[in-house]
N, C-alpha and C. Protein backbone atom coordinates (compact mmCIF):
# COMPACT_ATOMS: atom_id res chain seq x y z
N UNK A 1 -14.10 -8.39 9.08
CA UNK A 1 -15.12 -8.39 8.05
C UNK A 1 -15.29 -7.02 7.37
N UNK A 2 -15.18 -5.94 8.17
CA UNK A 2 -15.32 -4.60 7.60
C UNK A 2 -14.23 -4.32 6.57
N UNK A 3 -12.98 -4.65 6.91
CA UNK A 3 -11.85 -4.42 6.01
C UNK A 3 -11.99 -5.29 4.77
N UNK A 4 -12.37 -6.55 4.94
CA UNK A 4 -12.55 -7.46 3.80
C UNK A 4 -13.62 -6.90 2.87
N UNK A 5 -14.74 -6.48 3.44
CA UNK A 5 -15.83 -5.93 2.62
C UNK A 5 -15.38 -4.68 1.87
N UNK A 6 -14.66 -3.81 2.55
CA UNK A 6 -14.20 -2.56 1.96
C UNK A 6 -13.23 -2.83 0.80
N UNK A 7 -12.36 -3.81 0.97
CA UNK A 7 -11.33 -4.09 -0.02
C UNK A 7 -11.83 -4.95 -1.17
N UNK A 8 -12.73 -5.86 -0.90
CA UNK A 8 -13.20 -6.75 -1.96
C UNK A 8 -14.05 -6.03 -3.00
N UNK A 9 -14.56 -4.87 -2.68
CA UNK A 9 -15.40 -4.13 -3.63
C UNK A 9 -14.61 -3.56 -4.80
N UNK A 10 -13.31 -3.37 -4.65
CA UNK A 10 -12.52 -2.76 -5.71
C UNK A 10 -12.15 -3.81 -6.75
N UNK A 11 -12.02 -3.37 -7.99
CA UNK A 11 -11.76 -4.27 -9.10
C UNK A 11 -10.46 -5.05 -8.94
N UNK A 12 -9.39 -4.37 -8.55
CA UNK A 12 -8.08 -5.01 -8.44
C UNK A 12 -7.68 -5.12 -6.96
N UNK A 13 -8.52 -5.79 -6.19
CA UNK A 13 -8.30 -5.94 -4.76
C UNK A 13 -7.11 -6.84 -4.47
N UNK A 14 -6.28 -6.44 -3.52
CA UNK A 14 -5.16 -7.27 -3.10
C UNK A 14 -5.65 -8.61 -2.57
N UNK A 15 -6.86 -8.64 -2.05
CA UNK A 15 -7.43 -9.89 -1.53
C UNK A 15 -7.61 -10.93 -2.65
N UNK A 16 -7.62 -10.47 -3.90
CA UNK A 16 -7.77 -11.38 -5.05
C UNK A 16 -6.42 -11.78 -5.65
N UNK A 17 -5.33 -11.30 -5.08
CA UNK A 17 -3.99 -11.65 -5.56
C UNK A 17 -3.76 -13.13 -5.28
N UNK A 18 -3.40 -13.92 -6.30
CA UNK A 18 -3.25 -15.37 -6.10
C UNK A 18 -1.97 -15.78 -5.38
N UNK A 19 -1.02 -14.88 -5.24
CA UNK A 19 0.27 -15.22 -4.64
C UNK A 19 0.26 -15.16 -3.13
N UNK A 20 1.40 -15.52 -2.56
CA UNK A 20 1.61 -15.44 -1.12
C UNK A 20 2.25 -14.11 -0.75
N UNK A 21 3.08 -13.58 -1.68
CA UNK A 21 3.77 -12.32 -1.46
C UNK A 21 3.55 -11.37 -2.63
N UNK A 22 3.74 -10.09 -2.36
CA UNK A 22 3.66 -9.03 -3.35
C UNK A 22 4.62 -7.94 -2.90
N UNK A 23 4.76 -6.87 -3.68
CA UNK A 23 5.67 -5.79 -3.29
C UNK A 23 4.85 -4.51 -3.09
N UNK A 24 4.88 -3.97 -1.86
CA UNK A 24 4.19 -2.70 -1.59
C UNK A 24 5.03 -1.58 -2.17
N UNK A 25 4.43 -0.82 -3.10
CA UNK A 25 5.15 0.26 -3.77
C UNK A 25 4.65 1.64 -3.36
N UNK A 26 3.47 1.71 -2.77
CA UNK A 26 2.93 3.00 -2.33
C UNK A 26 2.00 2.78 -1.15
N UNK A 27 2.05 3.71 -0.20
CA UNK A 27 1.15 3.66 0.95
C UNK A 27 0.68 5.07 1.27
N UNK A 28 -0.59 5.16 1.62
CA UNK A 28 -1.22 6.45 1.88
C UNK A 28 -1.99 6.35 3.18
N UNK A 29 -1.59 7.14 4.18
CA UNK A 29 -2.22 7.08 5.48
C UNK A 29 -3.34 8.12 5.59
N UNK A 30 -4.37 7.72 6.32
CA UNK A 30 -5.41 8.65 6.70
C UNK A 30 -5.17 9.01 8.14
N UNK A 31 -5.83 10.02 8.62
CA UNK A 31 -5.72 10.39 10.03
C UNK A 31 -6.93 9.81 10.72
N UNK A 32 -6.70 9.13 11.83
CA UNK A 32 -7.79 8.49 12.55
C UNK A 32 -7.76 8.87 14.02
N UNK A 33 -8.92 8.82 14.64
CA UNK A 33 -9.05 9.09 16.07
C UNK A 33 -9.84 7.96 16.70
N UNK A 34 -9.62 7.72 17.99
CA UNK A 34 -10.38 6.73 18.72
C UNK A 34 -11.30 7.45 19.68
N UNK A 35 -12.53 7.00 19.77
CA UNK A 35 -13.50 7.56 20.69
C UNK A 35 -14.02 6.41 21.55
N UNK A 36 -13.40 6.21 22.70
CA UNK A 36 -13.76 5.07 23.54
C UNK A 36 -13.41 3.78 22.84
N UNK A 37 -14.42 2.96 22.59
CA UNK A 37 -14.20 1.67 21.93
C UNK A 37 -14.33 1.78 20.42
N UNK A 38 -14.93 2.81 19.93
CA UNK A 38 -15.18 2.92 18.50
C UNK A 38 -14.20 3.87 17.85
N UNK A 39 -13.71 3.51 16.71
CA UNK A 39 -12.75 4.33 15.98
C UNK A 39 -13.52 5.32 15.10
N UNK A 40 -13.05 6.55 15.09
CA UNK A 40 -13.64 7.59 14.25
C UNK A 40 -12.57 8.02 13.28
N UNK A 41 -12.90 8.03 12.00
CA UNK A 41 -11.91 8.49 11.04
C UNK A 41 -12.06 9.99 10.86
N UNK A 42 -10.97 10.64 10.48
CA UNK A 42 -11.08 12.07 10.24
C UNK A 42 -9.73 12.74 10.13
N UNK A 43 -9.77 14.00 9.84
CA UNK A 43 -8.57 14.82 9.70
C UNK A 43 -8.61 15.82 10.84
N UNK A 44 -7.66 15.73 11.76
CA UNK A 44 -7.72 16.57 12.95
C UNK A 44 -7.47 18.06 12.68
N UNK A 45 -7.23 18.42 11.42
CA UNK A 45 -7.10 19.85 11.09
C UNK A 45 -8.44 20.43 10.64
N UNK A 46 -9.45 19.59 10.58
CA UNK A 46 -10.77 20.04 10.15
C UNK A 46 -11.79 19.68 11.23
N UNK A 47 -12.86 20.41 11.27
CA UNK A 47 -14.02 20.04 12.06
C UNK A 47 -13.78 19.59 13.49
N UNK A 48 -14.87 19.40 14.21
CA UNK A 48 -14.89 18.98 15.60
C UNK A 48 -14.44 17.53 15.74
N UNK A 49 -13.62 17.23 16.75
CA UNK A 49 -13.10 15.89 17.03
C UNK A 49 -12.33 15.29 15.86
N UNK A 50 -11.83 16.14 14.98
CA UNK A 50 -11.04 15.61 13.88
C UNK A 50 -11.84 15.13 12.70
N UNK A 51 -13.14 15.23 12.76
CA UNK A 51 -13.95 14.80 11.63
C UNK A 51 -13.95 15.88 10.56
N UNK A 52 -14.00 15.49 9.29
CA UNK A 52 -14.01 16.50 8.24
C UNK A 52 -15.30 17.31 8.29
N UNK A 53 -15.22 18.51 7.77
CA UNK A 53 -16.42 19.33 7.69
C UNK A 53 -17.41 18.66 6.74
N UNK A 54 -18.67 18.91 6.96
CA UNK A 54 -19.71 18.29 6.15
C UNK A 54 -19.45 18.49 4.66
N UNK A 55 -19.51 17.41 3.91
CA UNK A 55 -19.32 17.48 2.48
C UNK A 55 -17.87 17.36 2.01
N UNK A 56 -16.91 17.38 2.94
CA UNK A 56 -15.51 17.25 2.56
C UNK A 56 -15.03 15.83 2.83
N UNK A 57 -14.18 15.29 1.95
CA UNK A 57 -13.67 13.93 2.18
C UNK A 57 -12.67 13.91 3.33
N UNK A 58 -12.62 12.79 4.03
CA UNK A 58 -11.63 12.63 5.10
C UNK A 58 -10.28 12.31 4.48
N UNK A 59 -9.23 12.40 5.28
CA UNK A 59 -7.89 12.04 4.81
C UNK A 59 -7.84 10.56 4.42
N UNK A 60 -8.62 9.73 5.10
CA UNK A 60 -8.67 8.31 4.78
C UNK A 60 -9.33 8.09 3.41
N UNK A 61 -10.36 8.86 3.11
CA UNK A 61 -10.99 8.77 1.79
C UNK A 61 -10.05 9.26 0.70
N UNK A 62 -9.30 10.31 0.98
CA UNK A 62 -8.32 10.81 0.01
C UNK A 62 -7.21 9.79 -0.21
N UNK A 63 -6.79 9.10 0.85
CA UNK A 63 -5.77 8.06 0.73
C UNK A 63 -6.28 6.93 -0.17
N UNK A 64 -7.51 6.52 0.04
CA UNK A 64 -8.10 5.46 -0.78
C UNK A 64 -8.20 5.88 -2.24
N UNK A 65 -8.55 7.13 -2.47
CA UNK A 65 -8.64 7.63 -3.84
C UNK A 65 -7.27 7.62 -4.53
N UNK A 66 -6.23 8.05 -3.83
CA UNK A 66 -4.87 8.04 -4.42
C UNK A 66 -4.45 6.61 -4.76
N UNK A 67 -4.70 5.69 -3.84
CA UNK A 67 -4.33 4.29 -4.08
C UNK A 67 -5.08 3.73 -5.29
N UNK A 68 -6.34 4.04 -5.38
CA UNK A 68 -7.14 3.56 -6.51
C UNK A 68 -6.65 4.15 -7.83
N UNK A 69 -6.41 5.45 -7.86
CA UNK A 69 -5.94 6.09 -9.10
C UNK A 69 -4.58 5.55 -9.52
N UNK A 70 -3.68 5.32 -8.56
CA UNK A 70 -2.36 4.78 -8.90
C UNK A 70 -2.48 3.35 -9.41
N UNK A 71 -3.31 2.55 -8.78
CA UNK A 71 -3.53 1.17 -9.24
C UNK A 71 -4.04 1.16 -10.67
N UNK A 72 -5.01 2.01 -10.95
CA UNK A 72 -5.58 2.07 -12.31
C UNK A 72 -4.53 2.56 -13.32
N UNK A 73 -3.71 3.53 -12.94
CA UNK A 73 -2.67 4.04 -13.85
C UNK A 73 -1.65 2.94 -14.16
N UNK A 74 -1.26 2.18 -13.14
CA UNK A 74 -0.33 1.07 -13.36
C UNK A 74 -0.95 0.00 -14.25
N UNK A 75 -2.21 -0.35 -14.00
CA UNK A 75 -2.90 -1.36 -14.80
C UNK A 75 -2.99 -0.95 -16.26
N UNK A 76 -3.22 0.34 -16.51
CA UNK A 76 -3.28 0.83 -17.90
C UNK A 76 -1.94 0.64 -18.61
N UNK A 77 -0.86 0.57 -17.83
CA UNK A 77 0.48 0.36 -18.40
C UNK A 77 0.87 -1.13 -18.41
N UNK A 78 -0.09 -1.99 -18.12
CA UNK A 78 0.16 -3.42 -18.17
C UNK A 78 0.82 -4.00 -16.94
N UNK A 79 0.83 -3.25 -15.82
CA UNK A 79 1.47 -3.70 -14.58
C UNK A 79 0.43 -4.41 -13.71
N UNK A 80 0.81 -5.55 -13.14
CA UNK A 80 -0.07 -6.31 -12.25
C UNK A 80 -0.13 -5.61 -10.89
N UNK A 81 -1.01 -4.63 -10.77
CA UNK A 81 -1.11 -3.82 -9.55
C UNK A 81 -2.39 -4.16 -8.80
N UNK A 82 -2.31 -4.03 -7.47
CA UNK A 82 -3.44 -4.30 -6.59
C UNK A 82 -3.54 -3.17 -5.56
N UNK A 83 -4.75 -2.98 -5.03
CA UNK A 83 -4.95 -2.00 -3.96
C UNK A 83 -5.58 -2.68 -2.75
N UNK A 84 -5.30 -2.12 -1.58
CA UNK A 84 -5.83 -2.65 -0.33
C UNK A 84 -6.15 -1.47 0.58
N UNK A 85 -7.30 -1.54 1.24
CA UNK A 85 -7.74 -0.45 2.12
C UNK A 85 -8.09 -1.04 3.49
N UNK A 86 -7.66 -0.37 4.54
CA UNK A 86 -8.11 -0.75 5.88
C UNK A 86 -8.52 0.52 6.63
N UNK A 87 -8.68 0.43 7.93
CA UNK A 87 -9.17 1.56 8.72
C UNK A 87 -8.15 2.68 8.90
N UNK A 88 -6.87 2.42 8.55
CA UNK A 88 -5.83 3.43 8.78
C UNK A 88 -5.12 3.88 7.52
N UNK A 89 -5.07 3.03 6.50
CA UNK A 89 -4.31 3.39 5.31
C UNK A 89 -4.80 2.62 4.09
N UNK A 90 -4.29 3.02 2.94
CA UNK A 90 -4.50 2.32 1.69
C UNK A 90 -3.12 2.09 1.08
N UNK A 91 -2.95 0.92 0.46
CA UNK A 91 -1.66 0.62 -0.16
C UNK A 91 -1.86 0.14 -1.59
N UNK A 92 -0.77 0.24 -2.37
CA UNK A 92 -0.72 -0.28 -3.73
C UNK A 92 0.44 -1.26 -3.77
N UNK A 93 0.18 -2.43 -4.36
CA UNK A 93 1.23 -3.43 -4.49
C UNK A 93 1.35 -3.86 -5.94
N UNK A 94 2.49 -4.48 -6.26
CA UNK A 94 2.73 -4.98 -7.61
C UNK A 94 3.23 -6.41 -7.51
N UNK A 95 2.66 -7.26 -8.35
CA UNK A 95 3.15 -8.63 -8.49
C UNK A 95 2.49 -9.64 -7.59
N UNK A 96 2.78 -10.90 -7.93
CA UNK A 96 2.24 -12.04 -7.21
C UNK A 96 3.34 -13.11 -7.18
N UNK A 97 3.80 -13.44 -5.98
CA UNK A 97 4.94 -14.35 -5.85
C UNK A 97 4.67 -15.41 -4.79
N UNK A 98 5.22 -16.60 -5.03
CA UNK A 98 5.10 -17.67 -4.04
C UNK A 98 6.11 -17.50 -2.91
N UNK A 99 7.23 -16.84 -3.22
CA UNK A 99 8.23 -16.59 -2.19
C UNK A 99 8.96 -15.29 -2.51
N UNK A 100 9.57 -14.72 -1.48
CA UNK A 100 10.36 -13.50 -1.64
C UNK A 100 11.73 -13.85 -2.19
N UNK A 101 12.21 -15.04 -1.88
CA UNK A 101 13.52 -15.46 -2.34
C UNK A 101 13.88 -16.83 -1.80
N UNK A 102 15.15 -17.18 -1.96
CA UNK A 102 15.65 -18.48 -1.54
C UNK A 102 16.63 -18.32 -0.39
N UNK A 103 16.45 -19.09 0.69
CA UNK A 103 17.39 -19.01 1.81
C UNK A 103 18.80 -19.44 1.39
N UNK A 104 19.80 -18.70 1.88
CA UNK A 104 21.20 -19.02 1.59
C UNK A 104 21.81 -19.72 2.80
N UNK A 105 22.98 -20.30 2.60
CA UNK A 105 23.68 -21.01 3.68
C UNK A 105 24.03 -20.10 4.84
N UNK A 106 24.26 -18.79 4.57
CA UNK A 106 24.63 -17.86 5.63
C UNK A 106 23.43 -17.30 6.40
N UNK A 107 22.23 -17.83 6.10
CA UNK A 107 21.02 -17.40 6.81
C UNK A 107 20.30 -16.23 6.17
N UNK A 108 20.91 -15.60 5.18
CA UNK A 108 20.26 -14.49 4.47
C UNK A 108 19.41 -15.06 3.33
N UNK A 109 18.67 -14.19 2.68
CA UNK A 109 17.81 -14.63 1.58
C UNK A 109 18.32 -14.06 0.27
N UNK A 110 18.43 -14.93 -0.71
CA UNK A 110 18.74 -14.50 -2.08
C UNK A 110 17.41 -14.06 -2.67
N UNK A 111 17.23 -12.74 -2.81
CA UNK A 111 15.93 -12.20 -3.20
C UNK A 111 15.55 -12.61 -4.62
N UNK A 112 14.29 -12.89 -4.80
CA UNK A 112 13.73 -13.25 -6.10
C UNK A 112 14.03 -12.10 -7.07
N UNK A 113 14.66 -12.38 -8.22
CA UNK A 113 15.01 -11.31 -9.16
C UNK A 113 13.81 -10.46 -9.61
N UNK A 114 12.64 -11.07 -9.73
CA UNK A 114 11.45 -10.31 -10.13
C UNK A 114 11.01 -9.33 -9.04
N UNK A 115 11.13 -9.76 -7.78
CA UNK A 115 10.81 -8.89 -6.64
C UNK A 115 11.81 -7.73 -6.61
N UNK A 116 13.08 -8.04 -6.79
CA UNK A 116 14.12 -7.01 -6.77
C UNK A 116 13.93 -6.01 -7.91
N UNK A 117 13.51 -6.49 -9.07
CA UNK A 117 13.27 -5.60 -10.21
C UNK A 117 12.16 -4.59 -9.89
N UNK A 118 11.09 -5.04 -9.27
CA UNK A 118 10.00 -4.13 -8.89
C UNK A 118 10.51 -3.11 -7.87
N UNK A 119 11.27 -3.57 -6.88
CA UNK A 119 11.79 -2.67 -5.85
C UNK A 119 12.69 -1.60 -6.48
N UNK A 120 13.51 -2.01 -7.43
CA UNK A 120 14.42 -1.06 -8.09
C UNK A 120 13.68 -0.13 -9.05
N UNK A 121 12.67 -0.65 -9.74
CA UNK A 121 11.93 0.15 -10.71
C UNK A 121 11.13 1.27 -10.04
N UNK A 122 10.50 0.96 -8.90
CA UNK A 122 9.60 1.92 -8.28
C UNK A 122 10.18 2.61 -7.05
N UNK A 123 11.35 2.19 -6.59
CA UNK A 123 12.00 2.84 -5.46
C UNK A 123 12.53 4.21 -5.83
N UNK A 124 12.84 5.00 -4.83
CA UNK A 124 13.31 6.37 -5.05
C UNK A 124 14.59 6.40 -5.87
N UNK A 125 14.72 7.47 -6.61
CA UNK A 125 15.93 7.70 -7.40
C UNK A 125 16.94 8.40 -6.50
N UNK A 126 18.19 7.96 -6.58
CA UNK A 126 19.25 8.57 -5.79
C UNK A 126 20.12 9.41 -6.71
N UNK A 127 20.22 10.68 -6.42
CA UNK A 127 21.01 11.61 -7.22
C UNK A 127 22.16 12.16 -6.39
N UNK A 128 23.32 12.29 -7.02
CA UNK A 128 24.46 12.93 -6.33
C UNK A 128 24.18 14.42 -6.19
N UNK A 129 24.53 14.96 -5.04
CA UNK A 129 24.34 16.39 -4.82
C UNK A 129 25.48 17.16 -5.49
N UNK A 130 25.18 18.27 -6.13
CA UNK A 130 26.24 19.06 -6.78
C UNK A 130 27.28 19.50 -5.75
N UNK A 131 28.55 19.32 -6.09
CA UNK A 131 29.63 19.74 -5.21
C UNK A 131 29.94 18.76 -4.09
N UNK A 132 29.13 17.71 -3.95
CA UNK A 132 29.35 16.70 -2.91
C UNK A 132 29.19 15.32 -3.52
N UNK A 133 30.22 14.81 -4.16
CA UNK A 133 30.10 13.53 -4.86
C UNK A 133 29.75 12.35 -3.96
N UNK A 134 30.04 12.44 -2.67
CA UNK A 134 29.72 11.35 -1.74
C UNK A 134 28.34 11.49 -1.10
N UNK A 135 27.65 12.60 -1.35
CA UNK A 135 26.32 12.81 -0.78
C UNK A 135 25.26 12.59 -1.84
N UNK A 136 24.15 11.99 -1.41
CA UNK A 136 23.07 11.72 -2.36
C UNK A 136 21.76 12.27 -1.85
N UNK A 137 20.95 12.71 -2.79
CA UNK A 137 19.58 13.13 -2.49
C UNK A 137 18.65 12.01 -2.95
N UNK A 138 17.60 11.79 -2.21
CA UNK A 138 16.63 10.76 -2.55
C UNK A 138 15.38 11.45 -3.06
N UNK A 139 14.94 11.05 -4.26
CA UNK A 139 13.75 11.65 -4.87
C UNK A 139 12.75 10.54 -5.20
N UNK A 140 11.62 10.50 -4.49
CA UNK A 140 10.62 9.47 -4.78
C UNK A 140 10.12 9.59 -6.22
N UNK A 141 9.87 8.45 -6.82
CA UNK A 141 9.29 8.44 -8.16
C UNK A 141 7.79 8.67 -8.03
N UNK A 142 7.17 9.08 -9.12
CA UNK A 142 5.73 9.29 -9.10
C UNK A 142 5.14 8.91 -10.45
N UNK A 143 3.84 8.75 -10.45
CA UNK A 143 3.10 8.47 -11.68
C UNK A 143 1.80 9.26 -11.60
N UNK A 144 1.55 10.04 -12.62
CA UNK A 144 0.35 10.88 -12.68
C UNK A 144 0.18 11.72 -11.42
N UNK A 145 1.31 12.23 -10.91
CA UNK A 145 1.29 13.11 -9.75
C UNK A 145 1.15 12.42 -8.41
N UNK A 146 1.18 11.08 -8.39
CA UNK A 146 1.04 10.33 -7.14
C UNK A 146 2.38 9.66 -6.85
N UNK A 147 2.90 9.92 -5.65
CA UNK A 147 4.23 9.42 -5.29
C UNK A 147 4.21 7.96 -4.85
N UNK A 148 5.29 7.27 -5.22
CA UNK A 148 5.54 5.93 -4.73
C UNK A 148 6.30 6.05 -3.41
N UNK A 149 6.34 4.97 -2.64
CA UNK A 149 7.14 4.93 -1.42
C UNK A 149 8.62 5.07 -1.79
N UNK A 150 9.41 5.59 -0.86
CA UNK A 150 10.84 5.72 -1.09
C UNK A 150 11.47 4.34 -1.28
N UNK A 151 11.07 3.37 -0.44
CA UNK A 151 11.63 2.03 -0.52
C UNK A 151 10.51 0.98 -0.58
N UNK A 152 10.19 0.48 -1.77
CA UNK A 152 9.20 -0.61 -1.85
C UNK A 152 9.69 -1.83 -1.07
N UNK A 153 8.75 -2.56 -0.48
CA UNK A 153 9.14 -3.74 0.30
C UNK A 153 8.19 -4.91 0.00
N UNK A 154 8.72 -6.14 0.06
CA UNK A 154 7.85 -7.31 -0.09
C UNK A 154 6.95 -7.43 1.13
N UNK A 155 5.71 -7.81 0.89
CA UNK A 155 4.74 -8.01 1.97
C UNK A 155 3.93 -9.27 1.67
N UNK A 156 3.39 -9.84 2.72
CA UNK A 156 2.53 -11.03 2.57
C UNK A 156 1.15 -10.57 2.09
N UNK A 157 0.57 -11.34 1.17
CA UNK A 157 -0.77 -11.04 0.66
C UNK A 157 -1.78 -11.44 1.73
N UNK A 158 -2.67 -10.53 2.15
CA UNK A 158 -3.68 -10.89 3.16
C UNK A 158 -4.71 -11.83 2.56
N UNK A 159 -5.10 -12.82 3.32
CA UNK A 159 -6.11 -13.78 2.90
C UNK A 159 -7.20 -13.84 3.96
N UNK A 160 -8.43 -14.01 3.53
CA UNK A 160 -9.50 -14.19 4.49
C UNK A 160 -9.48 -15.64 4.96
N UNK A 161 -9.74 -15.84 6.23
CA UNK A 161 -9.74 -17.21 6.75
C UNK A 161 -11.17 -17.70 6.86
N UNK A 162 -11.35 -18.96 6.59
CA UNK A 162 -12.67 -19.59 6.68
C UNK A 162 -13.18 -19.51 8.11
N UNK A 163 -12.29 -19.70 9.08
CA UNK A 163 -12.68 -19.68 10.49
C UNK A 163 -13.25 -18.32 10.89
N UNK A 164 -12.62 -17.23 10.44
CA UNK A 164 -13.13 -15.92 10.81
C UNK A 164 -14.47 -15.62 10.17
N UNK A 165 -14.69 -16.16 9.00
CA UNK A 165 -15.99 -15.96 8.34
C UNK A 165 -17.10 -16.63 9.14
N UNK A 166 -16.87 -17.86 9.61
CA UNK A 166 -17.88 -18.56 10.41
C UNK A 166 -18.04 -17.93 11.78
N UNK A 167 -16.95 -17.44 12.36
CA UNK A 167 -17.00 -16.86 13.70
C UNK A 167 -17.89 -15.61 13.72
N UNK A 168 -17.91 -14.86 12.63
CA UNK A 168 -18.71 -13.64 12.57
C UNK A 168 -20.19 -13.92 12.35
N UNK A 169 -20.52 -15.10 11.86
CA UNK A 169 -21.92 -15.44 11.60
C UNK A 169 -22.62 -16.00 12.81
N UNK A 170 -21.91 -16.30 13.88
CA UNK A 170 -22.53 -16.89 15.07
C UNK A 170 -22.92 -15.84 16.06
């Protein structure tokens, strides 16, 4: 319920994506600590027990901010982008698909061309290294100073279940 509440508040929440699958193009981790049974968020380079100093945002809050800014930048460019936040990270996804692809006779999947296009568009650029034609450098792409993941991947869209909603009310 906490994650659902946190994510549903954003305008372009991944929870509102109508598809079954989407492509994760960026992920931003926060630093978290556990204190007995309760999780404490924080940056272990700041403050006592890893909590940020008073008035400073935690790494998890900074991760959420990056995901939100990237989602908004993509939306301004007409891209169907969504954001999702949980207790450990924030992610940005693109697209809404019923399937990742079609199963082939050899057991592999023929990837959906639209999914593949997103993966290729936002995946890292591979450049040949000078003097080494067989060696490549990988350079993540970015938008407005925010980096995309090196390798975007298809992921299942999270959905809230009716059963879990009723279970929390009892």
